[in-house]
Amino acid sequence: MLMAHPAVLRNLVEQYDTLRILRAEDGDAEVQQRMDDIAYTLCVATGTRDVDSALVAARHRLPGARPEDDSLLTA
Protein backbone atom coordinates (compact mmCIF):
# COMPACT_ATOMS: atom_id res chain seq x y z
CA MET A 1 0.00 0.00 0.00
CA LEU A 2 1.23 3.50 -0.80
CA MET A 3 1.71 5.69 2.22
CA ALA A 4 0.65 9.32 2.16
CA HIS A 5 3.26 11.87 3.16
CA PRO A 6 2.78 13.09 6.76
CA ALA A 7 2.31 16.67 5.54
CA VAL A 8 -0.59 15.52 3.35
CA LEU A 9 -2.15 13.59 6.21
CA ARG A 10 -1.78 16.54 8.58
CA ASN A 11 -3.44 18.84 6.06
CA LEU A 12 -6.35 16.45 5.52
CA VAL A 13 -6.86 15.93 9.25
CA GLU A 14 -6.78 19.69 9.88
CA GLN A 15 -9.29 20.36 7.08
CA TYR A 16 -11.63 17.62 8.32
CA ASP A 17 -11.39 18.79 11.94
CA THR A 18 -12.05 22.40 10.92
CA LEU A 19 -15.13 21.47 8.92
CA ARG A 20 -16.40 19.27 11.74
CA ILE A 21 -15.88 22.04 14.31
CA LEU A 22 -17.78 24.42 12.05
CA ARG A 23 -20.52 21.78 11.77
CA ALA A 24 -20.14 21.55 8.01
CA GLU A 25 -22.39 18.50 7.94
CA ASP A 26 -25.24 20.93 8.63
CA GLY A 27 -24.07 23.27 5.86
CA ASP A 28 -25.03 23.56 2.23
CA ALA A 29 -24.49 20.80 -0.31
CA GLU A 30 -21.14 22.17 -1.51
CA VAL A 31 -19.68 22.21 2.01
CA GLN A 32 -21.06 18.73 2.76
CA GLN A 33 -19.49 17.46 -0.47
CA ARG A 34 -16.12 18.93 0.53
CA MET A 35 -16.30 17.16 3.89
CA ASP A 36 -17.24 13.89 2.18
CA ASP A 37 -14.35 14.31 -0.27
CA ILE A 38 -11.85 14.86 2.54
CA ALA A 39 -13.21 11.85 4.43
CA TYR A 40 -12.90 9.68 1.32
CA THR A 41 -9.35 10.90 0.67
CA LEU A 42 -8.40 10.16 4.28
CA CYS A 43 -9.77 6.63 3.93
CA VAL A 44 -7.84 6.02 0.71
CA ALA A 45 -4.65 7.52 2.13
CA THR A 46 -4.80 5.35 5.26
CA GLY A 47 -6.25 2.15 3.80
CA THR A 48 -9.34 2.30 6.01
CA ARG A 49 -13.07 2.13 5.31
CA ASP A 50 -14.55 4.75 7.63
CA VAL A 51 -13.53 8.26 8.55
CA ASP A 52 -13.12 7.58 12.28
CA SER A 53 -10.61 4.80 11.59
CA ALA A 54 -8.92 6.98 8.98
CA LEU A 55 -8.48 9.82 11.46
CA VAL A 56 -6.95 7.50 14.07
CA ALA A 57 -4.62 5.94 11.50
CA ALA A 58 -3.60 9.33 10.08
CA ARG A 59 -2.88 10.79 13.50
CA HIS A 60 -0.89 7.70 14.40
CA ARG A 61 1.34 8.22 11.35
CA LEU A 62 2.05 11.88 12.05
CA PRO A 63 5.41 12.89 13.48
CA GLY A 64 5.27 12.97 17.25
CA ALA A 65 2.78 10.12 17.57
CA ARG A 66 3.78 8.17 20.64
CA PRO A 67 5.01 4.64 19.97
CA GLU A 68 3.09 3.43 23.02
CA ASP A 69 -0.13 5.06 21.82
CA ASP A 70 -2.96 2.62 22.46
CA SER A 71 -5.62 4.51 20.48
CA LEU A 72 -5.72 1.72 17.90
CA LEU A 73 -6.57 -0.91 20.50
CA THR A 74 -10.17 -1.82 21.11
CA ALA A 75 -11.65 -1.94 24.57
PDB file of N, CA and C in Angstrom:
ATOM      1  N   MET A   1       0.841  -1.172   0.000  1.00  0.00           N
ATOM      2  CA  MET A   1       0.000   0.000   0.000  1.00  0.00           C
ATOM      3  C   MET A   1       0.892   1.243   0.000  1.00  0.00           C
ATOM      4  N   LEU A   2       0.525   2.222  -0.800  1.00  0.00           N
ATOM      5  CA  LEU A   2       1.231   3.497  -0.804  1.00  0.00           C
ATOM      6  C   LEU A   2       0.906   4.251   0.475  1.00  0.00           C
ATOM      7  N   MET A   3       1.901   4.922   0.996  1.00  0.00           N
ATOM      8  CA  MET A   3       1.708   5.690   2.223  1.00  0.00           C
ATOM      9  C   MET A   3       1.706   7.176   1.892  1.00  0.00           C
ATOM     10  N   ALA A   4       0.717   7.881   2.374  1.00  0.00           N
ATOM     11  CA  ALA A   4       0.646   9.323   2.158  1.00  0.00           C
ATOM     12  C   ALA A   4       1.724  10.012   2.983  1.00  0.00           C
ATOM     13  N   HIS A   5       2.257  11.082   2.451  1.00  0.00           N
ATOM     14  CA  HIS A   5       3.258  11.868   3.160  1.00  0.00           C
ATOM     15  C   HIS A   5       2.613  12.467   4.412  1.00  0.00           C
ATOM     16  N   PRO A   6       3.354  12.528   5.523  1.00  0.00           N
ATOM     17  CA  PRO A   6       2.784  13.085   6.756  1.00  0.00           C
ATOM     18  C   PRO A   6       2.220  14.498   6.596  1.00  0.00           C
ATOM     19  N   ALA A   7       2.825  15.313   5.748  1.00  0.00           N
ATOM     20  CA  ALA A   7       2.310  16.669   5.535  1.00  0.00           C
ATOM     21  C   ALA A   7       0.923  16.627   4.894  1.00  0.00           C
ATOM     22  N   VAL A   8       0.716  15.684   3.992  1.00  0.00           N
ATOM     23  CA  VAL A   8      -0.589  15.525   3.350  1.00  0.00           C
ATOM     24  C   VAL A   8      -1.613  15.060   4.376  1.00  0.00           C
ATOM     25  N   LEU A   9      -1.232  14.083   5.180  1.00  0.00           N
ATOM     26  CA  LEU A   9      -2.148  13.591   6.213  1.00  0.00           C
ATOM     27  C   LEU A   9      -2.508  14.692   7.196  1.00  0.00           C
ATOM     28  N   ARG A  10      -1.518  15.456   7.625  1.00  0.00           N
ATOM     29  CA  ARG A  10      -1.779  16.539   8.583  1.00  0.00           C
ATOM     30  C   ARG A  10      -2.767  17.539   7.983  1.00  0.00           C
ATOM     31  N   ASN A  11      -2.562  17.886   6.726  1.00  0.00           N
ATOM     32  CA  ASN A  11      -3.442  18.837   6.063  1.00  0.00           C
ATOM     33  C   ASN A  11      -4.868  18.310   5.984  1.00  0.00           C
ATOM     34  N   LEU A  12      -5.025  17.055   5.618  1.00  0.00           N
ATOM     35  CA  LEU A  12      -6.352  16.451   5.525  1.00  0.00           C
ATOM     36  C   LEU A  12      -7.040  16.403   6.884  1.00  0.00           C
ATOM     37  N   VAL A  13      -6.294  16.004   7.903  1.00  0.00           N
ATOM     38  CA  VAL A  13      -6.863  15.935   9.255  1.00  0.00           C
ATOM     39  C   VAL A  13      -7.283  17.325   9.715  1.00  0.00           C
ATOM     40  N   GLU A  14      -6.445  18.331   9.471  1.00  0.00           N
ATOM     41  CA  GLU A  14      -6.781  19.690   9.877  1.00  0.00           C
ATOM     42  C   GLU A  14      -8.025  20.200   9.145  1.00  0.00           C
ATOM     43  N   GLN A  15      -8.110  19.931   7.835  1.00  0.00           N
ATOM     44  CA  GLN A  15      -9.291  20.359   7.084  1.00  0.00           C
ATOM     45  C   GLN A  15     -10.552  19.681   7.610  1.00  0.00           C
ATOM     46  N   TYR A  16     -10.457  18.358   7.840  1.00  0.00           N
ATOM     47  CA  TYR A  16     -11.627  17.624   8.323  1.00  0.00           C
ATOM     48  C   TYR A  16     -12.057  18.133   9.695  1.00  0.00           C
ATOM     49  N   ASP A  17     -11.077  18.305  10.595  1.00  0.00           N
ATOM     50  CA  ASP A  17     -11.395  18.789  11.939  1.00  0.00           C
ATOM     51  C   ASP A  17     -12.029  20.181  11.898  1.00  0.00           C
ATOM     52  N   THR A  18     -11.502  21.048  11.044  1.00  0.00           N
ATOM     53  CA  THR A  18     -12.050  22.397  10.921  1.00  0.00           C
ATOM     54  C   THR A  18     -13.495  22.354  10.452  1.00  0.00           C
ATOM     55  N   LEU A  19     -13.758  21.568   9.419  1.00  0.00           N
ATOM     56  CA  LEU A  19     -15.133  21.468   8.921  1.00  0.00           C
ATOM     57  C   LEU A  19     -16.065  20.870   9.972  1.00  0.00           C
ATOM     58  N   ARG A  20     -15.569  19.890  10.707  1.00  0.00           N
ATOM     59  CA  ARG A  20     -16.404  19.271  11.744  1.00  0.00           C
ATOM     60  C   ARG A  20     -16.701  20.272  12.863  1.00  0.00           C
ATOM     61  N   ILE A  21     -15.686  21.039  13.264  1.00  0.00           N
ATOM     62  CA  ILE A  21     -15.883  22.042  14.311  1.00  0.00           C
ATOM     63  C   ILE A  21     -16.906  23.085  13.869  1.00  0.00           C
ATOM     64  N   LEU A  22     -16.851  23.433  12.589  1.00  0.00           N
ATOM     65  CA  LEU A  22     -17.778  24.420  12.051  1.00  0.00           C
ATOM     66  C   LEU A  22     -19.129  23.803  11.694  1.00  0.00           C
ATOM     67  N   ARG A  23     -19.282  22.523  12.021  1.00  0.00           N
ATOM     68  CA  ARG A  23     -20.517  21.785  11.773  1.00  0.00           C
ATOM     69  C   ARG A  23     -20.910  21.827  10.298  1.00  0.00           C
ATOM     70  N   ALA A  24     -19.934  21.515   9.458  1.00  0.00           N
ATOM     71  CA  ALA A  24     -20.143  21.552   8.013  1.00  0.00           C
ATOM     72  C   ALA A  24     -21.200  20.557   7.565  1.00  0.00           C
ATOM     73  N   GLU A  25     -21.392  19.484   8.347  1.00  0.00           N
ATOM     74  CA  GLU A  25     -22.391  18.496   7.941  1.00  0.00           C
ATOM     75  C   GLU A  25     -23.795  19.101   7.928  1.00  0.00           C
ATOM     76  N   ASP A  26     -23.952  20.226   8.624  1.00  0.00           N
ATOM     77  CA  ASP A  26     -25.240  20.929   8.627  1.00  0.00           C
ATOM     78  C   ASP A  26     -25.274  22.043   7.575  1.00  0.00           C
ATOM     79  N   GLY A  27     -24.177  22.194   6.831  1.00  0.00           N
ATOM     80  CA  GLY A  27     -24.070  23.272   5.861  1.00  0.00           C
ATOM     81  C   GLY A  27     -24.725  22.934   4.534  1.00  0.00           C
ATOM     82  N   ASP A  28     -24.435  23.768   3.545  1.00  0.00           N
ATOM     83  CA  ASP A  28     -25.034  23.559   2.225  1.00  0.00           C
ATOM     84  C   ASP A  28     -24.382  22.364   1.526  1.00  0.00           C
ATOM     85  N   ALA A  29     -24.930  22.001   0.399  1.00  0.00           N
ATOM     86  CA  ALA A  29     -24.487  20.797  -0.311  1.00  0.00           C
ATOM     87  C   ALA A  29     -23.019  20.864  -0.713  1.00  0.00           C
ATOM     88  N   GLU A  30     -22.539  22.030  -1.088  1.00  0.00           N
ATOM     89  CA  GLU A  30     -21.140  22.168  -1.510  1.00  0.00           C
ATOM     90  C   GLU A  30     -20.183  21.898  -0.348  1.00  0.00           C
ATOM     91  N   VAL A  31     -20.514  22.412   0.826  1.00  0.00           N
ATOM     92  CA  VAL A  31     -19.678  22.208   2.009  1.00  0.00           C
ATOM     93  C   VAL A  31     -19.746  20.747   2.442  1.00  0.00           C
ATOM     94  N   GLN A  32     -20.916  20.154   2.417  1.00  0.00           N
ATOM     95  CA  GLN A  32     -21.056  18.734   2.761  1.00  0.00           C
ATOM     96  C   GLN A  32     -20.243  17.867   1.806  1.00  0.00           C
ATOM     97  N   GLN A  33     -20.258  18.216   0.522  1.00  0.00           N
ATOM     98  CA  GLN A  33     -19.488  17.459  -0.466  1.00  0.00           C
ATOM     99  C   GLN A  33     -17.995  17.565  -0.182  1.00  0.00           C
ATOM    100  N   ARG A  34     -17.537  18.748   0.208  1.00  0.00           N
ATOM    101  CA  ARG A  34     -16.117  18.930   0.534  1.00  0.00           C
ATOM    102  C   ARG A  34     -15.733  18.050   1.718  1.00  0.00           C
ATOM    103  N   MET A  35     -16.574  18.001   2.723  1.00  0.00           N
ATOM    104  CA  MET A  35     -16.301  17.163   3.893  1.00  0.00           C
ATOM    105  C   MET A  35     -16.279  15.687   3.500  1.00  0.00           C
ATOM    106  N   ASP A  36     -17.215  15.270   2.668  1.00  0.00           N
ATOM    107  CA  ASP A  36     -17.240  13.886   2.183  1.00  0.00           C
ATOM    108  C   ASP A  36     -15.988  13.565   1.366  1.00  0.00           C
ATOM    109  N   ASP A  37     -15.547  14.515   0.541  1.00  0.00           N
ATOM    110  CA  ASP A  37     -14.346  14.307  -0.269  1.00  0.00           C
ATOM    111  C   ASP A  37     -13.107  14.146   0.601  1.00  0.00           C
ATOM    112  N   ILE A  38     -12.998  14.965   1.625  1.00  0.00           N
ATOM    113  CA  ILE A  38     -11.850  14.861   2.536  1.00  0.00           C
ATOM    114  C   ILE A  38     -11.892  13.535   3.278  1.00  0.00           C
ATOM    115  N   ALA A  39     -13.076  13.130   3.738  1.00  0.00           N
ATOM    116  CA  ALA A  39     -13.214  11.846   4.433  1.00  0.00           C
ATOM    117  C   ALA A  39     -12.807  10.694   3.520  1.00  0.00           C
ATOM    118  N   TYR A  40     -13.254  10.734   2.282  1.00  0.00           N
ATOM    119  CA  TYR A  40     -12.898   9.683   1.316  1.00  0.00           C
ATOM    120  C   TYR A  40     -11.389   9.657   1.086  1.00  0.00           C
ATOM    121  N   THR A  41     -10.789  10.821   0.903  1.00  0.00           N
ATOM    122  CA  THR A  41      -9.350  10.895   0.668  1.00  0.00           C
ATOM    123  C   THR A  41      -8.579  10.375   1.867  1.00  0.00           C
ATOM    124  N   LEU A  42      -9.032  10.691   3.072  1.00  0.00           N
ATOM    125  CA  LEU A  42      -8.395  10.157   4.275  1.00  0.00           C
ATOM    126  C   LEU A  42      -8.469   8.633   4.307  1.00  0.00           C
ATOM    127  N   CYS A  43      -9.613   8.091   3.947  1.00  0.00           N
ATOM    128  CA  CYS A  43      -9.766   6.630   3.935  1.00  0.00           C
ATOM    129  C   CYS A  43      -8.823   5.991   2.919  1.00  0.00           C
ATOM    130  N   VAL A  44      -8.739   6.560   1.742  1.00  0.00           N
ATOM    131  CA  VAL A  44      -7.843   6.021   0.714  1.00  0.00           C
ATOM    132  C   VAL A  44      -6.392   6.136   1.172  1.00  0.00           C
ATOM    133  N   ALA A  45      -6.033   7.274   1.731  1.00  0.00           N
ATOM    134  CA  ALA A  45      -4.651   7.525   2.134  1.00  0.00           C
ATOM    135  C   ALA A  45      -4.199   6.644   3.289  1.00  0.00           C
ATOM    136  N   THR A  46      -5.156   6.163   4.087  1.00  0.00           N
ATOM    137  CA  THR A  46      -4.799   5.353   5.256  1.00  0.00           C
ATOM    138  C   THR A  46      -5.183   3.881   5.106  1.00  0.00           C
ATOM    139  N   GLY A  47      -5.852   3.544   4.013  1.00  0.00           N
ATOM    140  CA  GLY A  47      -6.247   2.152   3.804  1.00  0.00           C
ATOM    141  C   GLY A  47      -7.361   1.700   4.735  1.00  0.00           C
ATOM    142  N   THR A  48      -8.233   2.621   5.106  1.00  0.00           N
ATOM    143  CA  THR A  48      -9.337   2.297   6.010  1.00  0.00           C
ATOM    144  C   THR A  48     -10.662   2.467   5.278  1.00  0.00           C
ATOM    145  N   ARG A  49     -11.755   2.089   5.957  1.00  0.00           N
ATOM    146  CA  ARG A  49     -13.072   2.127   5.315  1.00  0.00           C
ATOM    147  C   ARG A  49     -14.034   3.138   5.921  1.00  0.00           C
ATOM    148  N   ASP A  50     -13.670   3.730   7.054  1.00  0.00           N
ATOM    149  CA  ASP A  50     -14.547   4.751   7.628  1.00  0.00           C
ATOM    150  C   ASP A  50     -13.696   5.892   8.158  1.00  0.00           C
ATOM    151  N   VAL A  51     -14.291   7.057   8.231  1.00  0.00           N
ATOM    152  CA  VAL A  51     -13.529   8.263   8.549  1.00  0.00           C
ATOM    153  C   VAL A  51     -12.961   8.229   9.965  1.00  0.00           C
ATOM    154  N   ASP A  52     -13.647   7.635  10.915  1.00  0.00           N
ATOM    155  CA  ASP A  52     -13.119   7.577  12.277  1.00  0.00           C
ATOM    156  C   ASP A  52     -11.829   6.763  12.328  1.00  0.00           C
ATOM    157  N   SER A  53     -11.825   5.619  11.660  1.00  0.00           N
ATOM    158  CA  SER A  53     -10.610   4.801  11.593  1.00  0.00           C
ATOM    159  C   SER A  53      -9.508   5.530  10.833  1.00  0.00           C
ATOM    160  N   ALA A  54      -9.896   6.238   9.780  1.00  0.00           N
ATOM    161  CA  ALA A  54      -8.922   6.982   8.980  1.00  0.00           C
ATOM    162  C   ALA A  54      -8.260   8.079   9.811  1.00  0.00           C
ATOM    163  N   LEU A  55      -9.037   8.763  10.621  1.00  0.00           N
ATOM    164  CA  LEU A  55      -8.477   9.816  11.461  1.00  0.00           C
ATOM    165  C   LEU A  55      -7.503   9.254  12.484  1.00  0.00           C
ATOM    166  N   VAL A  56      -7.849   8.136  13.101  1.00  0.00           N
ATOM    167  CA  VAL A  56      -6.953   7.503  14.070  1.00  0.00           C
ATOM    168  C   VAL A  56      -5.663   7.077  13.374  1.00  0.00           C
ATOM    169  N   ALA A  57      -5.794   6.414  12.227  1.00  0.00           N
ATOM    170  CA  ALA A  57      -4.620   5.940  11.497  1.00  0.00           C
ATOM    171  C   ALA A  57      -3.750   7.109  11.044  1.00  0.00           C
ATOM    172  N   ALA A  58      -4.361   8.168  10.545  1.00  0.00           N
ATOM    173  CA  ALA A  58      -3.600   9.334  10.077  1.00  0.00           C
ATOM    174  C   ALA A  58      -2.851   9.973  11.234  1.00  0.00           C
ATOM    175  N   ARG A  59      -3.534  10.166  12.337  1.00  0.00           N
ATOM    176  CA  ARG A  59      -2.875  10.790  13.499  1.00  0.00           C
ATOM    177  C   ARG A  59      -1.748   9.921  14.025  1.00  0.00           C
ATOM    178  N   HIS A  60      -1.916   8.631  13.938  1.00  0.00           N
ATOM    179  CA  HIS A  60      -0.892   7.701  14.402  1.00  0.00           C
ATOM    180  C   HIS A  60       0.362   7.783  13.533  1.00  0.00           C
ATOM    181  N   ARG A  61       0.198   8.140  12.276  1.00  0.00           N
ATOM    182  CA  ARG A  61       1.340   8.217  11.353  1.00  0.00           C
ATOM    183  C   ARG A  61       2.030   9.569  11.357  1.00  0.00           C
ATOM    184  N   LEU A  62       1.458  10.548  12.032  1.00  0.00           N
ATOM    185  CA  LEU A  62       2.052  11.881  12.052  1.00  0.00           C
ATOM    186  C   LEU A  62       3.275  11.908  12.962  1.00  0.00           C
ATOM    187  N   PRO A  63       4.242  12.751  12.609  1.00  0.00           N
ATOM    188  CA  PRO A  63       5.415  12.887  13.482  1.00  0.00           C
ATOM    189  C   PRO A  63       4.976  13.279  14.884  1.00  0.00           C
ATOM    190  N   GLY A  64       5.611  12.673  15.864  1.00  0.00           N
ATOM    191  CA  GLY A  64       5.272  12.970  17.247  1.00  0.00           C
ATOM    192  C   GLY A  64       4.269  12.010  17.846  1.00  0.00           C
ATOM    193  N   ALA A  65       3.696  11.119  17.017  1.00  0.00           N
ATOM    194  CA  ALA A  65       2.779  10.115  17.574  1.00  0.00           C
ATOM    195  C   ALA A  65       3.593   9.223  18.508  1.00  0.00           C
ATOM    196  N   ARG A  66       3.055   8.973  19.662  1.00  0.00           N
ATOM    197  CA  ARG A  66       3.780   8.173  20.645  1.00  0.00           C
ATOM    198  C   ARG A  66       3.796   6.709  20.229  1.00  0.00           C
ATOM    199  N   PRO A  67       4.946   6.056  20.317  1.00  0.00           N
ATOM    200  CA  PRO A  67       5.011   4.641  19.967  1.00  0.00           C
ATOM    201  C   PRO A  67       4.138   3.774  20.873  1.00  0.00           C
ATOM    202  N   GLU A  68       3.912   4.214  22.094  1.00  0.00           N
ATOM    203  CA  GLU A  68       3.092   3.432  23.018  1.00  0.00           C
ATOM    204  C   GLU A  68       1.623   3.829  22.965  1.00  0.00           C
ATOM    205  N   ASP A  69       1.262   4.622  21.974  1.00  0.00           N
ATOM    206  CA  ASP A  69      -0.125   5.065  21.818  1.00  0.00           C
ATOM    207  C   ASP A  69      -1.044   3.854  21.654  1.00  0.00           C
ATOM    208  N   ASP A  70      -2.047   3.766  22.511  1.00  0.00           N
ATOM    209  CA  ASP A  70      -2.956   2.621  22.465  1.00  0.00           C
ATOM    210  C   ASP A  70      -4.290   2.978  21.813  1.00  0.00           C
ATOM    211  N   SER A  71      -4.345   4.073  21.063  1.00  0.00           N
ATOM    212  CA  SER A  71      -5.615   4.507  20.479  1.00  0.00           C
ATOM    213  C   SER A  71      -6.128   3.548  19.422  1.00  0.00           C
ATOM    214  N   LEU A  72      -5.279   2.673  18.908  1.00  0.00           N
ATOM    215  CA  LEU A  72      -5.718   1.717  17.902  1.00  0.00           C
ATOM    216  C   LEU A  72      -6.239   0.417  18.521  1.00  0.00           C
ATOM    217  N   LEU A  73      -6.087   0.289  19.823  1.00  0.00           N
ATOM    218  CA  LEU A  73      -6.570  -0.910  20.500  1.00  0.00           C
ATOM    219  C   LEU A  73      -8.046  -0.768  20.832  1.00  0.00           C
ATOM    220  N   THR A  74      -8.764  -1.858  20.759  1.00  0.00           N
ATOM    221  CA  THR A  74     -10.174  -1.816  21.108  1.00  0.00           C
ATOM    222  C   THR A  74     -10.351  -2.185  22.566  1.00  0.00           C
ATOM    223  N   ALA A  75     -11.392  -1.680  23.147  1.00  0.00           N
ATOM    224  CA  ALA A  75     -11.647  -1.941  24.567  1.00  0.00           C
ATOM    225  C   ALA A  75     -12.389  -3.246  24.727  1.00  0.00           C
TER     226      ALA A  75
END
